[in-house]
Amino acid sequence: MSDFNTLELLTDPRGFATLWLSREEKNNAFNAEMIRELILALDKVASDASLRFLIVRGRGKHFSAGADLAWMQQSAELDYATNLDDARELAELMYNLAKLKIPTLAVVQGAAFGGALGLISCCDMAIGADDAQFCLSEVRIGLAPAVISPFVVQAIGERATRRYALTAERFGGQRAREIGLLSESYASAELEQKVEQWIDNLLLNSPAAMRASKDLLREVGDGSLTPALRRYTENAIARIRVSPEGQEGLRAFLQKRPPSWQAETTKEPR
């Protein structure tokens, strides 16, 4: 459809598109450019009436490792207003994906950390490899999963979100399926074959009926994706990024040392 620096947006003649995160050398980590390009790519998808559904994937070994280190370093040096602008762009991406008229399917392999869980949660369906690794890692570096939190709660429920957002535990594909983050989990060797089966199933359905079903489900949902909630989450992440612990956590992460509130002997769970 169009060339991007951090993405590939490919259309299939059968009537769907695949949006590839394509910063393989950075494990498809998010930065400001990728977020802006994702917004533009979703605009293109939304304006193409020929598309029946969208698949979201990551090139290489990982879906996405979360936030890019260089971008995080820049964030640590920015003031509240600039961090708020960044948060608003991330919120625009998440809300636009969640409210896309056509069905969306995430396909996950390798790491899916931080904001990547938000992207997955915004999709209507998600499948992944049994050996994929998921983590809401923000609290380890003094941050909070603010902008993505409404979508993660919708996907896995408040109780599971509390556990994984507060502990930053890693969990695998089968656990992701148990809590509802993944619709199905498969052996890595089977994943591509299963993707094709999902495509075949979606292609059996009426495009208009799928769009109408999404509209219906949105109307009968809990209605929590309000402008007020969006503003709250935007301000929440901007505030915490410029807080003392937010600054310390980012510095510690970038300097590869434990943050001040973490014991020297603390080990990252595997």
C-alpha atoms as a PDB file:
ATOM      1  CA  MET A   1       0.000   0.000   0.000  1.00  0.00           C
ATOM      2  CA  SER A   2       2.728   2.434   0.994  1.00  0.00           C
ATOM      3  CA  ASP A   3       6.311   2.377   2.151  1.00  0.00           C
ATOM      4  CA  PHE A   4       7.186   2.790   5.821  1.00  0.00           C
ATOM      5  CA  ASN A   5      10.493   2.744   7.648  1.00  0.00           C
ATOM      6  CA  THR A   6       9.405   0.616  10.602  1.00  0.00           C
ATOM      7  CA  LEU A   7       6.479  -1.349   9.166  1.00  0.00           C
ATOM      8  CA  GLU A   8       5.265  -3.298   6.185  1.00  0.00           C
ATOM      9  CA  LEU A   9       1.619  -3.118   5.177  1.00  0.00           C
ATOM     10  CA  LEU A  10       0.913  -5.894   2.695  1.00  0.00           C
ATOM     11  CA  THR A  11      -2.380  -6.685   1.015  1.00  0.00           C
ATOM     12  CA  ASP A  12      -3.418 -10.173  -0.016  1.00  0.00           C
ATOM     13  CA  PRO A  13      -5.507 -10.614  -3.167  1.00  0.00           C
ATOM     14  CA  ARG A  14      -7.950 -12.640  -1.090  1.00  0.00           C
ATOM     15  CA  GLY A  15      -9.025  -9.395   0.561  1.00  0.00           C
ATOM     16  CA  PHE A  16      -7.090  -8.837   3.772  1.00  0.00           C
ATOM     17  CA  ALA A  17      -3.980  -6.987   4.913  1.00  0.00           C
ATOM     18  CA  THR A  18      -1.048  -7.953   7.111  1.00  0.00           C
ATOM     19  CA  LEU A  19       0.622  -5.237   9.156  1.00  0.00           C
ATOM     20  CA  TRP A  20       4.163  -6.297   9.999  1.00  0.00           C
ATOM     21  CA  LEU A  21       6.208  -4.633  12.724  1.00  0.00           C
ATOM     22  CA  SER A  22       9.530  -4.495  10.911  1.00  0.00           C
ATOM     23  CA  ARG A  23      12.396  -3.350  13.111  1.00  0.00           C
ATOM     24  CA  GLU A  24      13.840  -6.829  13.323  1.00  0.00           C
ATOM     25  CA  GLU A  25      17.288  -5.570  14.356  1.00  0.00           C
ATOM     26  CA  LYS A  26      15.627  -3.949  17.398  1.00  0.00           C
ATOM     27  CA  ASN A  27      13.271  -6.869  18.098  1.00  0.00           C
ATOM     28  CA  ASN A  28      10.441  -4.704  16.730  1.00  0.00           C
ATOM     29  CA  ALA A  29      10.665  -2.347  19.695  1.00  0.00           C
ATOM     30  CA  PHE A  30       8.367   0.671  19.659  1.00  0.00           C
ATOM     31  CA  ASN A  31       9.702   4.174  19.101  1.00  0.00           C
ATOM     32  CA  ALA A  32       8.026   7.447  18.174  1.00  0.00           C
ATOM     33  CA  GLU A  33       8.431   6.804  14.458  1.00  0.00           C
ATOM     34  CA  MET A  34       6.875   3.344  14.654  1.00  0.00           C
ATOM     35  CA  ILE A  35       3.909   4.653  16.637  1.00  0.00           C
ATOM     36  CA  ARG A  36       3.296   7.423  14.099  1.00  0.00           C
ATOM     37  CA  GLU A  37       3.621   4.972  11.217  1.00  0.00           C
ATOM     38  CA  LEU A  38       1.234   2.530  12.876  1.00  0.00           C
ATOM     39  CA  ILE A  39      -1.341   5.322  13.131  1.00  0.00           C
ATOM     40  CA  LEU A  40      -0.874   6.131   9.436  1.00  0.00           C
ATOM     41  CA  ALA A  41      -1.046   2.461   8.454  1.00  0.00           C
ATOM     42  CA  LEU A  42      -4.287   1.973  10.377  1.00  0.00           C
ATOM     43  CA  ASP A  43      -5.722   5.048   8.658  1.00  0.00           C
ATOM     44  CA  LYS A  44      -4.944   3.409   5.310  1.00  0.00           C
ATOM     45  CA  VAL A  45      -6.546   0.168   6.405  1.00  0.00           C
ATOM     46  CA  ALA A  46      -9.639   1.969   7.683  1.00  0.00           C
ATOM     47  CA  SER A  47     -10.073   3.828   4.388  1.00  0.00           C
ATOM     48  CA  ASP A  48      -9.772   0.710   2.197  1.00  0.00           C
ATOM     49  CA  ALA A  49     -13.271  -0.710   1.771  1.00  0.00           C
ATOM     50  CA  SER A  50     -11.920  -3.813   0.023  1.00  0.00           C
ATOM     51  CA  LEU A  51     -10.263  -5.189   3.162  1.00  0.00           C
ATOM     52  CA  ARG A  52     -12.133  -7.831   5.113  1.00  0.00           C
ATOM     53  CA  PHE A  53      -9.780  -8.137   8.090  1.00  0.00           C
ATOM     54  CA  LEU A  54      -6.314  -7.196   9.347  1.00  0.00           C
ATOM     55  CA  ILE A  55      -3.516  -9.377  10.727  1.00  0.00           C
ATOM     56  CA  VAL A  56      -0.879  -7.807  13.008  1.00  0.00           C
ATOM     57  CA  ARG A  57       2.508  -9.534  13.228  1.00  0.00           C
ATOM     58  CA  GLY A  58       6.187  -9.011  14.010  1.00  0.00           C
ATOM     59  CA  ARG A  59       9.072  -9.808  11.680  1.00  0.00           C
ATOM     60  CA  GLY A  60      11.819 -12.110  12.919  1.00  0.00           C
ATOM     61  CA  LYS A  61      12.031 -13.942  16.218  1.00  0.00           C
ATOM     62  CA  HIS A  62       9.880 -11.590  18.282  1.00  0.00           C
ATOM     63  CA  PHE A  63       6.504  -9.897  18.085  1.00  0.00           C
ATOM     64  CA  SER A  64       7.832  -6.835  19.937  1.00  0.00           C
ATOM     65  CA  ALA A  65      10.228  -6.301  22.822  1.00  0.00           C
ATOM     66  CA  GLY A  66       8.279  -3.244  23.997  1.00  0.00           C
ATOM     67  CA  ALA A  67       9.759   0.246  24.078  1.00  0.00           C
ATOM     68  CA  ASP A  68      12.993   1.046  22.254  1.00  0.00           C
ATOM     69  CA  LEU A  69      15.936   1.864  24.545  1.00  0.00           C
ATOM     70  CA  ALA A  70      16.934   5.010  22.667  1.00  0.00           C
ATOM     71  CA  TRP A  71      13.342   6.266  22.748  1.00  0.00           C
ATOM     72  CA  MET A  72      13.134   5.565  26.481  1.00  0.00           C
ATOM     73  CA  GLN A  73      16.332   7.525  27.027  1.00  0.00           C
ATOM     74  CA  GLN A  74      14.875  10.476  25.139  1.00  0.00           C
ATOM     75  CA  SER A  75      11.662  10.217  27.189  1.00  0.00           C
ATOM     76  CA  ALA A  76      13.643  10.423  30.408  1.00  0.00           C
ATOM     77  CA  GLU A  77      15.034  13.788  29.304  1.00  0.00           C
ATOM     78  CA  LEU A  78      11.712  15.328  28.230  1.00  0.00           C
ATOM     79  CA  ASP A  79       9.355  17.498  30.254  1.00  0.00           C
ATOM     80  CA  TYR A  80       5.782  16.664  31.246  1.00  0.00           C
ATOM     81  CA  ALA A  81       4.160  18.393  28.253  1.00  0.00           C
ATOM     82  CA  THR A  82       6.300  16.530  25.717  1.00  0.00           C
ATOM     83  CA  ASN A  83       5.721  13.217  27.481  1.00  0.00           C
ATOM     84  CA  LEU A  84       2.004  13.971  27.376  1.00  0.00           C
ATOM     85  CA  ASP A  85       2.216  14.463  23.604  1.00  0.00           C
ATOM     86  CA  ASP A  86       3.961  11.080  23.308  1.00  0.00           C
ATOM     87  CA  ALA A  87       1.275   9.460  25.456  1.00  0.00           C
ATOM     88  CA  ARG A  88      -1.459  10.958  23.285  1.00  0.00           C
ATOM     89  CA  GLU A  89       0.093   9.453  20.168  1.00  0.00           C
ATOM     90  CA  LEU A  90       0.295   6.035  21.821  1.00  0.00           C
ATOM     91  CA  ALA A  91      -3.318   6.384  22.970  1.00  0.00           C
ATOM     92  CA  GLU A  92      -4.392   7.337  19.444  1.00  0.00           C
ATOM     93  CA  LEU A  93      -2.732   4.187  18.117  1.00  0.00           C
ATOM     94  CA  MET A  94      -4.368   1.912  20.679  1.00  0.00           C
ATOM     95  CA  TYR A  95      -7.834   3.442  20.381  1.00  0.00           C
ATOM     96  CA  ASN A  96      -7.700   3.428  16.569  1.00  0.00           C
ATOM     97  CA  LEU A  97      -6.740  -0.246  16.504  1.00  0.00           C
ATOM     98  CA  ALA A  98      -9.376  -1.182  19.084  1.00  0.00           C
ATOM     99  CA  LYS A  99     -12.083   0.694  17.179  1.00  0.00           C
ATOM    100  CA  LEU A 100     -11.132  -0.467  13.674  1.00  0.00           C
ATOM    101  CA  LYS A 101     -14.281  -1.514  11.812  1.00  0.00           C
ATOM    102  CA  ILE A 102     -12.880  -4.774  10.433  1.00  0.00           C
ATOM    103  CA  PRO A 103     -11.786  -7.816  12.479  1.00  0.00           C
ATOM    104  CA  THR A 104      -8.198  -7.864  13.708  1.00  0.00           C
ATOM    105  CA  LEU A 105      -5.986 -10.856  14.507  1.00  0.00           C
ATOM    106  CA  ALA A 106      -2.618 -10.667  16.275  1.00  0.00           C
ATOM    107  CA  VAL A 107      -0.076 -13.446  15.683  1.00  0.00           C
ATOM    108  CA  VAL A 108       2.567 -13.660  18.400  1.00  0.00           C
ATOM    109  CA  GLN A 109       5.952 -15.351  18.584  1.00  0.00           C
ATOM    110  CA  GLY A 110       8.941 -14.719  20.814  1.00  0.00           C
ATOM    111  CA  ALA A 111       8.783 -11.736  23.143  1.00  0.00           C
ATOM    112  CA  ALA A 112       5.730  -9.526  23.621  1.00  0.00           C
ATOM    113  CA  PHE A 113       6.587  -7.063  26.368  1.00  0.00           C
ATOM    114  CA  GLY A 114       5.120  -3.821  27.662  1.00  0.00           C
ATOM    115  CA  GLY A 115       3.215  -1.904  25.007  1.00  0.00           C
ATOM    116  CA  ALA A 116       3.149  -4.991  22.796  1.00  0.00           C
ATOM    117  CA  LEU A 117       0.574  -6.466  25.189  1.00  0.00           C
ATOM    118  CA  GLY A 118      -1.526  -3.389  24.574  1.00  0.00           C
ATOM    119  CA  LEU A 119      -1.348  -3.913  20.828  1.00  0.00           C
ATOM    120  CA  ILE A 120      -2.358  -7.566  21.220  1.00  0.00           C
ATOM    121  CA  SER A 121      -5.182  -6.659  23.610  1.00  0.00           C
ATOM    122  CA  CYS A 122      -6.570  -4.132  21.119  1.00  0.00           C
ATOM    123  CA  CYS A 123      -7.027  -6.874  18.529  1.00  0.00           C
ATOM    124  CA  ASP A 124     -10.271  -8.825  18.404  1.00  0.00           C
ATOM    125  CA  MET A 125      -8.431 -12.144  18.399  1.00  0.00           C
ATOM    126  CA  ALA A 126      -4.880 -13.304  19.019  1.00  0.00           C
ATOM    127  CA  ILE A 127      -3.000 -16.538  18.521  1.00  0.00           C
ATOM    128  CA  GLY A 128       0.563 -17.356  19.446  1.00  0.00           C
ATOM    129  CA  ALA A 129       3.283 -19.888  20.032  1.00  0.00           C
ATOM    130  CA  ASP A 130       3.384 -21.938  23.220  1.00  0.00           C
ATOM    131  CA  ASP A 131       6.933 -20.709  23.826  1.00  0.00           C
ATOM    132  CA  ALA A 132       6.107 -17.024  23.347  1.00  0.00           C
ATOM    133  CA  GLN A 133       6.942 -14.861  26.364  1.00  0.00           C
ATOM    134  CA  PHE A 134       4.660 -12.110  27.657  1.00  0.00           C
ATOM    135  CA  CYS A 135       5.370  -9.473  30.293  1.00  0.00           C
ATOM    136  CA  LEU A 136       3.845  -6.242  31.576  1.00  0.00           C
ATOM    137  CA  SER A 137       7.326  -5.045  32.444  1.00  0.00           C
ATOM    138  CA  GLU A 138       6.728  -1.361  33.190  1.00  0.00           C
ATOM    139  CA  VAL A 139       6.981  -1.444  37.003  1.00  0.00           C
ATOM    140  CA  ARG A 140      10.470  -2.941  36.801  1.00  0.00           C
ATOM    141  CA  ILE A 141      11.713   0.360  35.394  1.00  0.00           C
ATOM    142  CA  GLY A 142       9.600   2.693  37.489  1.00  0.00           C
ATOM    143  CA  LEU A 143       6.706   3.158  35.068  1.00  0.00           C
ATOM    144  CA  ALA A 144       3.108   1.972  34.770  1.00  0.00           C
ATOM    145  CA  PRO A 145       1.155   0.385  31.885  1.00  0.00           C
ATOM    146  CA  ALA A 146      -1.142   3.408  31.851  1.00  0.00           C
ATOM    147  CA  VAL A 147      -2.281   3.960  28.255  1.00  0.00           C
ATOM    148  CA  ILE A 148      -2.597   0.241  27.499  1.00  0.00           C
ATOM    149  CA  SER A 149      -4.329  -0.656  30.776  1.00  0.00           C
ATOM    150  CA  PRO A 150      -7.976  -0.291  29.624  1.00  0.00           C
ATOM    151  CA  PHE A 151      -7.346  -2.690  26.750  1.00  0.00           C
ATOM    152  CA  VAL A 152      -5.417  -5.223  28.823  1.00  0.00           C
ATOM    153  CA  VAL A 153      -8.175  -5.231  31.450  1.00  0.00           C
ATOM    154  CA  GLN A 154     -10.759  -5.815  28.719  1.00  0.00           C
ATOM    155  CA  ALA A 155      -8.706  -8.703  27.345  1.00  0.00           C
ATOM    156  CA  ILE A 156      -7.712 -10.582  30.503  1.00  0.00           C
ATOM    157  CA  GLY A 157      -9.815  -9.063  33.288  1.00  0.00           C
ATOM    158  CA  GLU A 158      -8.904  -6.828  36.195  1.00  0.00           C
ATOM    159  CA  ARG A 159      -7.679  -9.595  38.515  1.00  0.00           C
ATOM    160  CA  ALA A 160      -5.136 -11.032  36.064  1.00  0.00           C
ATOM    161  CA  THR A 161      -4.067  -7.532  35.048  1.00  0.00           C
ATOM    162  CA  ARG A 162      -3.397  -6.646  38.688  1.00  0.00           C
ATOM    163  CA  ARG A 163      -1.187  -9.712  39.052  1.00  0.00           C
ATOM    164  CA  TYR A 164       0.912  -9.238  35.949  1.00  0.00           C
ATOM    165  CA  ALA A 165       1.074  -5.439  36.059  1.00  0.00           C
ATOM    166  CA  LEU A 166       2.186  -5.432  39.708  1.00  0.00           C
ATOM    167  CA  THR A 167       4.600  -8.391  39.594  1.00  0.00           C
ATOM    168  CA  ALA A 168       5.989  -8.003  36.054  1.00  0.00           C
ATOM    169  CA  GLU A 169       6.091 -11.806  35.878  1.00  0.00           C
ATOM    170  CA  ARG A 170       6.777 -13.391  32.537  1.00  0.00           C
ATOM    171  CA  PHE A 171       4.290 -15.953  31.292  1.00  0.00           C
ATOM    172  CA  GLY A 172       4.099 -18.213  28.270  1.00  0.00           C
ATOM    173  CA  GLY A 173       1.669 -18.854  25.466  1.00  0.00           C
ATOM    174  CA  GLN A 174      -0.410 -21.456  27.245  1.00  0.00           C
ATOM    175  CA  ARG A 175      -0.901 -19.187  30.243  1.00  0.00           C
ATOM    176  CA  ALA A 176      -1.763 -16.329  27.882  1.00  0.00           C
ATOM    177  CA  ARG A 177      -4.497 -18.542  26.435  1.00  0.00           C
ATOM    178  CA  GLU A 178      -5.787 -19.477  29.901  1.00  0.00           C
ATOM    179  CA  ILE A 179      -6.265 -15.834  30.903  1.00  0.00           C
ATOM    180  CA  GLY A 180      -7.728 -14.770  27.562  1.00  0.00           C
ATOM    181  CA  LEU A 181      -4.864 -12.766  26.066  1.00  0.00           C
ATOM    182  CA  LEU A 182      -4.528 -15.390  23.338  1.00  0.00           C
ATOM    183  CA  SER A 183      -7.502 -17.063  21.714  1.00  0.00           C
ATOM    184  CA  GLU A 184      -5.368 -20.150  21.023  1.00  0.00           C
ATOM    185  CA  SER A 185      -1.778 -21.245  21.642  1.00  0.00           C
ATOM    186  CA  TYR A 186       0.102 -23.641  19.363  1.00  0.00           C
ATOM    187  CA  ALA A 187       3.463 -25.360  19.053  1.00  0.00           C
ATOM    188  CA  SER A 188       5.884 -23.052  17.247  1.00  0.00           C
ATOM    189  CA  ALA A 189       6.268 -25.457  14.341  1.00  0.00           C
ATOM    190  CA  GLU A 190       2.505 -25.358  13.740  1.00  0.00           C
ATOM    191  CA  LEU A 191       1.964 -21.620  14.011  1.00  0.00           C
ATOM    192  CA  GLU A 192       2.139 -20.704  10.320  1.00  0.00           C
ATOM    193  CA  GLN A 193      -0.210 -23.530   9.388  1.00  0.00           C
ATOM    194  CA  LYS A 194      -2.643 -22.367  12.068  1.00  0.00           C
ATOM    195  CA  VAL A 195      -2.460 -18.789  10.778  1.00  0.00           C
ATOM    196  CA  GLU A 196      -3.627 -20.043   7.395  1.00  0.00           C
ATOM    197  CA  GLN A 197      -6.490 -21.919   9.044  1.00  0.00           C
ATOM    198  CA  TRP A 198      -7.614 -18.731  10.792  1.00  0.00           C
ATOM    199  CA  ILE A 199      -7.399 -16.855   7.509  1.00  0.00           C
ATOM    200  CA  ASP A 200      -9.460 -19.529   5.793  1.00  0.00           C
ATOM    201  CA  ASN A 201     -12.099 -19.347   8.536  1.00  0.00           C
ATOM    202  CA  LEU A 202     -12.348 -15.558   8.377  1.00  0.00           C
ATOM    203  CA  LEU A 203     -12.596 -15.647   4.606  1.00  0.00           C
ATOM    204  CA  LEU A 204     -15.693 -17.808   4.947  1.00  0.00           C
ATOM    205  CA  ASN A 205     -17.574 -14.998   6.670  1.00  0.00           C
ATOM    206  CA  SER A 206     -19.558 -12.083   5.301  1.00  0.00           C
ATOM    207  CA  PRO A 207     -17.368  -8.944   5.492  1.00  0.00           C
ATOM    208  CA  ALA A 208     -20.412  -6.780   6.222  1.00  0.00           C
ATOM    209  CA  ALA A 209     -21.649  -9.180   8.887  1.00  0.00           C
ATOM    210  CA  MET A 210     -18.259  -9.193  10.602  1.00  0.00           C
ATOM    211  CA  ARG A 211     -18.209  -5.393  10.638  1.00  0.00           C
ATOM    212  CA  ALA A 212     -21.767  -5.283  11.949  1.00  0.00           C
ATOM    213  CA  SER A 213     -20.889  -7.815  14.638  1.00  0.00           C
ATOM    214  CA  LYS A 214     -17.988  -5.648  15.794  1.00  0.00           C
ATOM    215  CA  ASP A 215     -20.285  -2.626  15.995  1.00  0.00           C
ATOM    216  CA  LEU A 216     -22.826  -4.637  17.971  1.00  0.00           C
ATOM    217  CA  LEU A 217     -20.284  -6.024  20.417  1.00  0.00           C
ATOM    218  CA  ARG A 218     -18.890  -2.549  20.992  1.00  0.00           C
ATOM    219  CA  GLU A 219     -22.356  -1.220  21.822  1.00  0.00           C
ATOM    220  CA  VAL A 220     -23.185  -4.027  24.245  1.00  0.00           C
ATOM    221  CA  GLY A 221     -19.780  -3.933  25.950  1.00  0.00           C
ATOM    222  CA  ASP A 222     -19.085  -2.148  29.212  1.00  0.00           C
ATOM    223  CA  GLY A 223     -18.469   1.157  27.460  1.00  0.00           C
ATOM    224  CA  SER A 224     -15.335   1.952  29.478  1.00  0.00           C
ATOM    225  CA  LEU A 225     -13.304   3.344  26.548  1.00  0.00           C
ATOM    226  CA  THR A 226     -14.447   6.905  27.183  1.00  0.00           C
ATOM    227  CA  PRO A 227     -12.695  10.188  26.357  1.00  0.00           C
ATOM    228  CA  ALA A 228     -12.347  10.818  30.095  1.00  0.00           C
ATOM    229  CA  LEU A 229     -10.558   7.503  30.624  1.00  0.00           C
ATOM    230  CA  ARG A 230      -8.297   8.211  27.669  1.00  0.00           C
ATOM    231  CA  ARG A 231      -7.302  11.595  29.129  1.00  0.00           C
ATOM    232  CA  TYR A 232      -6.705  10.012  32.528  1.00  0.00           C
ATOM    233  CA  THR A 233      -4.344   7.366  31.136  1.00  0.00           C
ATOM    234  CA  GLU A 234      -2.494   9.904  28.986  1.00  0.00           C
ATOM    235  CA  ASN A 235      -1.870  12.142  31.984  1.00  0.00           C
ATOM    236  CA  ALA A 236      -0.994   9.176  34.195  1.00  0.00           C
ATOM    237  CA  ILE A 237       1.922   7.999  32.052  1.00  0.00           C
ATOM    238  CA  ALA A 238       3.168  11.537  31.458  1.00  0.00           C
ATOM    239  CA  ARG A 239       3.190  12.164  35.226  1.00  0.00           C
ATOM    240  CA  ILE A 240       4.975   8.953  36.094  1.00  0.00           C
ATOM    241  CA  ARG A 241       7.626   9.405  33.401  1.00  0.00           C
ATOM    242  CA  VAL A 242       8.772  12.646  35.032  1.00  0.00           C
ATOM    243  CA  SER A 243       8.430  11.377  38.624  1.00  0.00           C
ATOM    244  CA  PRO A 244      11.550  10.611  40.710  1.00  0.00           C
ATOM    245  CA  GLU A 245      11.059   6.844  40.484  1.00  0.00           C
ATOM    246  CA  GLY A 246      10.234   7.052  36.808  1.00  0.00           C
ATOM    247  CA  GLN A 247      13.455   8.931  36.152  1.00  0.00           C
ATOM    248  CA  GLU A 248      15.477   6.599  38.389  1.00  0.00           C
ATOM    249  CA  GLY A 249      13.993   3.499  36.804  1.00  0.00           C
ATOM    250  CA  LEU A 250      14.727   4.674  33.292  1.00  0.00           C
ATOM    251  CA  ARG A 251      18.286   5.642  34.203  1.00  0.00           C
ATOM    252  CA  ALA A 252      18.894   2.317  35.943  1.00  0.00           C
ATOM    253  CA  PHE A 253      17.500   0.366  33.019  1.00  0.00           C
ATOM    254  CA  LEU A 254      19.623   2.229  30.497  1.00  0.00           C
ATOM    255  CA  GLN A 255      22.716   1.920  32.717  1.00  0.00           C
ATOM    256  CA  LYS A 256      22.060  -1.823  33.217  1.00  0.00           C
ATOM    257  CA  ARG A 257      21.991  -1.557  37.025  1.00  0.00           C
ATOM    258  CA  PRO A 258      19.334  -2.254  39.643  1.00  0.00           C
ATOM    259  CA  PRO A 259      17.114   0.742  40.454  1.00  0.00           C
ATOM    260  CA  SER A 260      17.348   2.245  43.913  1.00  0.00           C
ATOM    261  CA  TRP A 261      14.333   0.337  45.279  1.00  0.00           C
ATOM    262  CA  GLN A 262      15.622  -3.064  44.148  1.00  0.00           C
ATOM    263  CA  ALA A 263      18.083  -5.148  46.170  1.00  0.00           C
ATOM    264  CA  GLU A 264      21.428  -5.794  44.500  1.00  0.00           C
ATOM    265  CA  THR A 265      20.842  -9.542  44.710  1.00  0.00           C
ATOM    266  CA  THR A 266      17.448  -9.459  42.974  1.00  0.00           C
ATOM    267  CA  LYS A 267      17.411 -11.689  39.894  1.00  0.00           C
ATOM    268  CA  GLU A 268      15.157 -11.366  36.857  1.00  0.00           C
ATOM    269  CA  PRO A 269      12.751 -14.359  36.915  1.00  0.00           C
ATOM    270  CA  ARG A 270      12.944 -16.620  33.895  1.00  0.00           C
END
